[in-house]
Amino acid sequence: MLIAFGSMQLIRSFDHDAIKRSASITAGRWQTKGNYTGERLKALRPETYRKVVELLAEPREHVSYREICRQCHVTDDTVKAVERREAISIATRKEALMVQAARIAKRAYDRVEDQIDSAPLPQAVVTAGVFTDKLQLLSGDVTSRLLSVNVHADAVDLVAQFNKLHDAIRAKAKAIEAQSEETEGKTGLPSSKET
């Protein structure tokens, strides 16, 4: 009976420890961040993967990560993983979009130029403006900034500056003390030191 009880106790403790270990492993799995590569999306939903790549080629001002997630029903980690994985093809797609936008903008401008004397061309003007903006966004002209900073920093001896300030304070204190002694002599009143 004692042996059976002992073995039962051993089994109970083993099961309890095994449950603890599996619970901690499970908890650890939920706490750590996954390794997102986009491979499962490409294998399971290739149309969605292609759509994510196409949307990533658009300028961020037009299509944000959140919008891509909403349209394609994927997480932002998946979108960023696809962006890392397809960086070269996205750059190629952006280049193709830029060439296409330039071609359409040129055609719209040519049409505006050809028909400027006749009837108003609101659609051609809008098209020219839209594709010019698109061309600038894709080429990065709008978002690039030139910044010129001229920083002139001289070495400063802080100890010497502090000593100079300290000497000025001492000189001012001596001047005030001398002035108060001088006024004491004239008034004949006892100084604050004597009282």
C-alpha atoms as a PDB file:
ATOM      1  CA  MET A   1       0.000   0.000   0.000  1.00  0.00           C
ATOM      2  CA  LEU A   2       2.812   2.346   0.840  1.00  0.00           C
ATOM      3  CA  ILE A   3       4.547   1.627  -2.445  1.00  0.00           C
ATOM      4  CA  ALA A   4       1.346   2.162  -4.398  1.00  0.00           C
ATOM      5  CA  PHE A   5       0.722   5.362  -2.522  1.00  0.00           C
ATOM      6  CA  GLY A   6       4.326   6.449  -3.136  1.00  0.00           C
ATOM      7  CA  SER A   7       4.154   5.681  -6.846  1.00  0.00           C
ATOM      8  CA  MET A   8       0.828   7.443  -7.095  1.00  0.00           C
ATOM      9  CA  GLN A   9       2.344  10.435  -5.383  1.00  0.00           C
ATOM     10  CA  LEU A  10       5.247  10.306  -7.837  1.00  0.00           C
ATOM     11  CA  ILE A  11       2.864  10.222 -10.792  1.00  0.00           C
ATOM     12  CA  ARG A  12       0.857  13.100  -9.407  1.00  0.00           C
ATOM     13  CA  SER A  13       3.927  15.253  -8.919  1.00  0.00           C
ATOM     14  CA  PHE A  14       5.214  14.348 -12.384  1.00  0.00           C
ATOM     15  CA  ASP A  15       1.910  15.247 -14.024  1.00  0.00           C
ATOM     16  CA  HIS A  16       1.724  18.475 -12.078  1.00  0.00           C
ATOM     17  CA  ASP A  17       5.258  19.465 -13.135  1.00  0.00           C
ATOM     18  CA  ALA A  18       4.553  18.542 -16.752  1.00  0.00           C
ATOM     19  CA  ILE A  19       1.445  20.709 -16.752  1.00  0.00           C
ATOM     20  CA  LYS A  20       3.426  23.597 -15.274  1.00  0.00           C
ATOM     21  CA  ARG A  21       6.119  23.253 -17.941  1.00  0.00           C
ATOM     22  CA  SER A  22       3.631  23.090 -20.817  1.00  0.00           C
ATOM     23  CA  ALA A  23       1.739  26.087 -19.438  1.00  0.00           C
ATOM     24  CA  SER A  24       4.924  28.130 -19.195  1.00  0.00           C
ATOM     25  CA  ILE A  25       5.935  27.127 -22.717  1.00  0.00           C
ATOM     26  CA  THR A  26       2.497  28.087 -24.001  1.00  0.00           C
ATOM     27  CA  ALA A  27       2.622  31.380 -22.134  1.00  0.00           C
ATOM     28  CA  GLY A  28       6.084  32.034 -23.544  1.00  0.00           C
ATOM     29  CA  ARG A  29       4.865  31.334 -27.042  1.00  0.00           C
ATOM     30  CA  TRP A  30       2.164  33.973 -26.707  1.00  0.00           C
ATOM     31  CA  GLN A  31       4.537  36.507 -25.223  1.00  0.00           C
ATOM     32  CA  THR A  32       7.225  36.305 -27.896  1.00  0.00           C
ATOM     33  CA  LYS A  33       6.731  38.005 -31.227  1.00  0.00           C
ATOM     34  CA  GLY A  34       6.499  35.774 -34.284  1.00  0.00           C
ATOM     35  CA  ASN A  35       8.922  35.697 -37.173  1.00  0.00           C
ATOM     36  CA  TYR A  36       6.899  37.162 -40.035  1.00  0.00           C
ATOM     37  CA  THR A  37       8.240  36.429 -43.521  1.00  0.00           C
ATOM     38  CA  GLY A  38       5.153  36.484 -45.735  1.00  0.00           C
ATOM     39  CA  GLU A  39       5.779  32.927 -46.975  1.00  0.00           C
ATOM     40  CA  ARG A  40       2.455  31.551 -45.728  1.00  0.00           C
ATOM     41  CA  LEU A  41       0.545  34.416 -47.333  1.00  0.00           C
ATOM     42  CA  LYS A  42       2.310  33.799 -50.649  1.00  0.00           C
ATOM     43  CA  ALA A  43       1.592  30.056 -50.491  1.00  0.00           C
ATOM     44  CA  LEU A  44      -1.985  30.177 -49.200  1.00  0.00           C
ATOM     45  CA  ARG A  45      -3.323  33.413 -50.732  1.00  0.00           C
ATOM     46  CA  PRO A  46      -1.178  34.383 -53.747  1.00  0.00           C
ATOM     47  CA  GLU A  47      -3.716  36.926 -55.044  1.00  0.00           C
ATOM     48  CA  THR A  48      -3.660  38.734 -51.707  1.00  0.00           C
ATOM     49  CA  TYR A  49       0.146  38.610 -51.698  1.00  0.00           C
ATOM     50  CA  ARG A  50       0.254  40.237 -55.169  1.00  0.00           C
ATOM     51  CA  LYS A  51      -2.245  42.879 -54.088  1.00  0.00           C
ATOM     52  CA  VAL A  52      -0.108  43.708 -51.014  1.00  0.00           C
ATOM     53  CA  VAL A  53       2.953  44.082 -53.267  1.00  0.00           C
ATOM     54  CA  GLU A  54       1.035  46.346 -55.666  1.00  0.00           C
ATOM     55  CA  LEU A  55      -0.277  48.512 -52.833  1.00  0.00           C
ATOM     56  CA  LEU A  56       3.191  48.736 -51.289  1.00  0.00           C
ATOM     57  CA  ALA A  57       4.424  50.204 -54.570  1.00  0.00           C
ATOM     58  CA  GLU A  58       2.035  53.138 -54.154  1.00  0.00           C
ATOM     59  CA  PRO A  59       3.313  56.181 -52.247  1.00  0.00           C
ATOM     60  CA  ARG A  60       2.702  56.003 -48.479  1.00  0.00           C
ATOM     61  CA  GLU A  61       0.734  59.273 -48.669  1.00  0.00           C
ATOM     62  CA  HIS A  62      -1.877  57.529 -50.818  1.00  0.00           C
ATOM     63  CA  VAL A  63      -1.977  54.049 -49.284  1.00  0.00           C
ATOM     64  CA  SER A  64      -0.888  53.563 -45.678  1.00  0.00           C
ATOM     65  CA  TYR A  65       0.039  50.297 -43.977  1.00  0.00           C
ATOM     66  CA  ARG A  66      -3.279  50.402 -42.134  1.00  0.00           C
ATOM     67  CA  GLU A  67      -5.182  50.762 -45.409  1.00  0.00           C
ATOM     68  CA  ILE A  68      -3.281  47.816 -46.934  1.00  0.00           C
ATOM     69  CA  CYS A  69      -4.127  45.720 -43.853  1.00  0.00           C
ATOM     70  CA  ARG A  70      -7.784  46.692 -44.115  1.00  0.00           C
ATOM     71  CA  GLN A  71      -8.083  45.983 -47.856  1.00  0.00           C
ATOM     72  CA  CYS A  72      -6.156  42.700 -47.839  1.00  0.00           C
ATOM     73  CA  HIS A  73      -7.204  41.400 -44.393  1.00  0.00           C
ATOM     74  CA  VAL A  74      -3.639  40.882 -43.164  1.00  0.00           C
ATOM     75  CA  THR A  75      -1.690  42.165 -40.161  1.00  0.00           C
ATOM     76  CA  ASP A  76       0.752  45.036 -40.275  1.00  0.00           C
ATOM     77  CA  ASP A  77       3.582  42.621 -39.419  1.00  0.00           C
ATOM     78  CA  THR A  78       2.722  40.609 -42.532  1.00  0.00           C
ATOM     79  CA  VAL A  79       2.675  43.755 -44.684  1.00  0.00           C
ATOM     80  CA  LYS A  80       6.097  44.805 -43.385  1.00  0.00           C
ATOM     81  CA  ALA A  81       7.443  41.282 -43.938  1.00  0.00           C
ATOM     82  CA  VAL A  82       6.206  41.305 -47.544  1.00  0.00           C
ATOM     83  CA  GLU A  83       7.791  44.737 -47.989  1.00  0.00           C
ATOM     84  CA  ARG A  84      11.159  43.425 -46.735  1.00  0.00           C
ATOM     85  CA  ARG A  85      10.876  40.274 -48.831  1.00  0.00           C
ATOM     86  CA  GLU A  86       9.853  42.047 -52.041  1.00  0.00           C
ATOM     87  CA  ALA A  87      11.945  45.213 -51.707  1.00  0.00           C
ATOM     88  CA  ILE A  88      13.508  44.867 -55.173  1.00  0.00           C
ATOM     89  CA  SER A  89      10.259  44.050 -56.982  1.00  0.00           C
ATOM     90  CA  ILE A  90       8.494  46.904 -55.170  1.00  0.00           C
ATOM     91  CA  ALA A  91      11.222  49.313 -56.292  1.00  0.00           C
ATOM     92  CA  THR A  92      10.831  48.009 -59.850  1.00  0.00           C
ATOM     93  CA  ARG A  93       7.058  48.450 -59.624  1.00  0.00           C
ATOM     94  CA  LYS A  94       7.497  52.012 -58.334  1.00  0.00           C
ATOM     95  CA  GLU A  95       9.805  52.752 -61.249  1.00  0.00           C
ATOM     96  CA  ALA A  96       7.231  51.383 -63.716  1.00  0.00           C
ATOM     97  CA  LEU A  97       4.473  53.445 -62.078  1.00  0.00           C
ATOM     98  CA  MET A  98       6.675  56.525 -62.291  1.00  0.00           C
ATOM     99  CA  VAL A  99       7.297  56.002 -66.012  1.00  0.00           C
ATOM    100  CA  GLN A 100       3.588  55.410 -66.610  1.00  0.00           C
ATOM    101  CA  ALA A 101       2.624  58.520 -64.619  1.00  0.00           C
ATOM    102  CA  ALA A 102       5.139  60.607 -66.572  1.00  0.00           C
ATOM    103  CA  ARG A 103       3.771  59.308 -69.872  1.00  0.00           C
ATOM    104  CA  ILE A 104       0.138  60.019 -68.905  1.00  0.00           C
ATOM    105  CA  ALA A 105       1.030  63.457 -67.534  1.00  0.00           C
ATOM    106  CA  LYS A 106       2.825  64.297 -70.794  1.00  0.00           C
ATOM    107  CA  ARG A 107      -0.185  63.209 -72.864  1.00  0.00           C
ATOM    108  CA  ALA A 108      -2.525  65.256 -70.666  1.00  0.00           C
ATOM    109  CA  TYR A 109      -0.272  68.305 -70.968  1.00  0.00           C
ATOM    110  CA  ASP A 110      -0.080  67.849 -74.741  1.00  0.00           C
ATOM    111  CA  ARG A 111      -3.869  67.713 -74.927  1.00  0.00           C
ATOM    112  CA  VAL A 112      -4.211  70.820 -72.749  1.00  0.00           C
ATOM    113  CA  GLU A 113      -1.657  72.602 -74.927  1.00  0.00           C
ATOM    114  CA  ASP A 114      -3.395  71.534 -78.164  1.00  0.00           C
ATOM    115  CA  GLN A 115      -6.866  72.562 -77.030  1.00  0.00           C
ATOM    116  CA  ILE A 116      -6.110  75.517 -74.800  1.00  0.00           C
ATOM    117  CA  ASP A 117      -7.545  78.023 -77.285  1.00  0.00           C
ATOM    118  CA  SER A 118     -10.827  76.166 -77.754  1.00  0.00           C
ATOM    119  CA  ALA A 119     -13.301  74.903 -75.140  1.00  0.00           C
ATOM    120  CA  PRO A 120     -12.339  74.630 -71.461  1.00  0.00           C
ATOM    121  CA  LEU A 121     -10.693  71.358 -70.585  1.00  0.00           C
ATOM    122  CA  PRO A 122     -11.342  70.790 -66.897  1.00  0.00           C
ATOM    123  CA  GLN A 123     -10.762  67.049 -67.112  1.00  0.00           C
ATOM    124  CA  ALA A 124      -7.445  67.377 -68.929  1.00  0.00           C
ATOM    125  CA  VAL A 125      -6.270  70.011 -66.453  1.00  0.00           C
ATOM    126  CA  VAL A 126      -7.238  67.830 -63.499  1.00  0.00           C
ATOM    127  CA  THR A 127      -5.574  64.810 -65.110  1.00  0.00           C
ATOM    128  CA  ALA A 128      -2.398  66.786 -65.742  1.00  0.00           C
ATOM    129  CA  GLY A 129      -2.349  67.956 -62.121  1.00  0.00           C
ATOM    130  CA  VAL A 130      -3.060  64.528 -60.669  1.00  0.00           C
ATOM    131  CA  PHE A 131      -0.381  62.793 -62.688  1.00  0.00           C
ATOM    132  CA  THR A 132       2.145  65.551 -62.032  1.00  0.00           C
ATOM    133  CA  ASP A 133       1.548  65.093 -58.308  1.00  0.00           C
ATOM    134  CA  LYS A 134       1.838  61.336 -58.715  1.00  0.00           C
ATOM    135  CA  LEU A 135       5.085  61.752 -60.651  1.00  0.00           C
ATOM    136  CA  GLN A 136       6.530  63.995 -57.941  1.00  0.00           C
ATOM    137  CA  LEU A 137       5.493  61.622 -55.163  1.00  0.00           C
ATOM    138  CA  LEU A 138       6.960  58.594 -56.899  1.00  0.00           C
ATOM    139  CA  SER A 139      10.228  60.362 -57.684  1.00  0.00           C
ATOM    140  CA  GLY A 140      10.535  61.679 -54.134  1.00  0.00           C
ATOM    141  CA  ASP A 141      10.775  65.335 -55.181  1.00  0.00           C
ATOM    142  CA  VAL A 142       7.949  66.445 -52.897  1.00  0.00           C
ATOM    143  CA  THR A 143       9.261  64.701 -49.810  1.00  0.00           C
ATOM    144  CA  SER A 144      12.935  65.577 -50.233  1.00  0.00           C
ATOM    145  CA  ARG A 145      14.204  68.485 -48.190  1.00  0.00           C
ATOM    146  CA  LEU A 146      17.487  70.343 -48.339  1.00  0.00           C
ATOM    147  CA  LEU A 147      18.669  71.366 -44.928  1.00  0.00           C
ATOM    148  CA  SER A 148      21.684  73.559 -44.357  1.00  0.00           C
ATOM    149  CA  VAL A 149      22.839  73.808 -40.778  1.00  0.00           C
ATOM    150  CA  ASN A 150      25.777  76.006 -39.843  1.00  0.00           C
ATOM    151  CA  VAL A 151      26.850  75.112 -36.349  1.00  0.00           C
ATOM    152  CA  HIS A 152      29.622  77.278 -34.983  1.00  0.00           C
ATOM    153  CA  ALA A 153      30.756  75.865 -31.679  1.00  0.00           C
ATOM    154  CA  ASP A 154      33.841  77.142 -29.912  1.00  0.00           C
ATOM    155  CA  ALA A 155      35.535  75.349 -27.072  1.00  0.00           C
ATOM    156  CA  VAL A 156      34.681  76.932 -23.737  1.00  0.00           C
ATOM    157  CA  ASP A 157      36.765  76.574 -20.604  1.00  0.00           C
ATOM    158  CA  LEU A 158      34.030  76.148 -18.026  1.00  0.00           C
ATOM    159  CA  VAL A 159      36.407  76.254 -15.051  1.00  0.00           C
ATOM    160  CA  ALA A 160      37.875  79.572 -16.178  1.00  0.00           C
ATOM    161  CA  GLN A 161      34.380  80.976 -16.775  1.00  0.00           C
ATOM    162  CA  PHE A 162      33.280  79.828 -13.318  1.00  0.00           C
ATOM    163  CA  ASN A 163      36.388  81.333 -11.666  1.00  0.00           C
ATOM    164  CA  LYS A 164      35.827  84.609 -13.513  1.00  0.00           C
ATOM    165  CA  LEU A 165      32.213  84.704 -12.312  1.00  0.00           C
ATOM    166  CA  HIS A 166      33.305  83.836  -8.774  1.00  0.00           C
ATOM    167  CA  ASP A 167      35.903  86.644  -8.786  1.00  0.00           C
ATOM    168  CA  ALA A 168      33.277  89.113 -10.036  1.00  0.00           C
ATOM    169  CA  ILE A 169      30.934  88.113  -7.209  1.00  0.00           C
ATOM    170  CA  ARG A 170      33.732  88.526  -4.638  1.00  0.00           C
ATOM    171  CA  ALA A 171      34.656  91.962  -6.052  1.00  0.00           C
ATOM    172  CA  LYS A 172      31.018  93.049  -5.929  1.00  0.00           C
ATOM    173  CA  ALA A 173      30.726  91.805  -2.324  1.00  0.00           C
ATOM    174  CA  LYS A 174      33.884  93.740  -1.331  1.00  0.00           C
ATOM    175  CA  ALA A 175      32.546  96.870  -3.020  1.00  0.00           C
ATOM    176  CA  ILE A 176      29.249  96.575  -1.138  1.00  0.00           C
ATOM    177  CA  GLU A 177      31.095  95.973   2.128  1.00  0.00           C
ATOM    178  CA  ALA A 178      33.381  98.962   1.553  1.00  0.00           C
ATOM    179  CA  GLN A 179      30.384 101.121   0.691  1.00  0.00           C
ATOM    180  CA  SER A 180      28.559 100.078   3.856  1.00  0.00           C
ATOM    181  CA  GLU A 181      31.659 100.816   5.992  1.00  0.00           C
ATOM    182  CA  GLU A 182      31.946 104.207   4.342  1.00  0.00           C
ATOM    183  CA  THR A 183      28.314 105.052   5.116  1.00  0.00           C
ATOM    184  CA  GLU A 184      28.806 103.881   8.708  1.00  0.00           C
ATOM    185  CA  GLY A 185      31.683 106.304   9.143  1.00  0.00           C
ATOM    186  CA  LYS A 186      29.605 109.204   7.873  1.00  0.00           C
ATOM    187  CA  THR A 187      26.472 108.447   9.895  1.00  0.00           C
ATOM    188  CA  GLY A 188      28.181 107.410  13.096  1.00  0.00           C
ATOM    189  CA  LEU A 189      25.774 104.521  13.562  1.00  0.00           C
ATOM    190  CA  PRO A 190      27.151 101.247  14.828  1.00  0.00           C
ATOM    191  CA  SER A 191      27.763  98.627  12.188  1.00  0.00           C
ATOM    192  CA  SER A 192      25.829  95.427  12.058  1.00  0.00           C
ATOM    193  CA  LYS A 193      28.989  93.624  13.155  1.00  0.00           C
ATOM    194  CA  GLU A 194      29.050  95.391  16.530  1.00  0.00           C
ATOM    195  CA  THR A 195      25.425  94.643  17.429  1.00  0.00           C
END
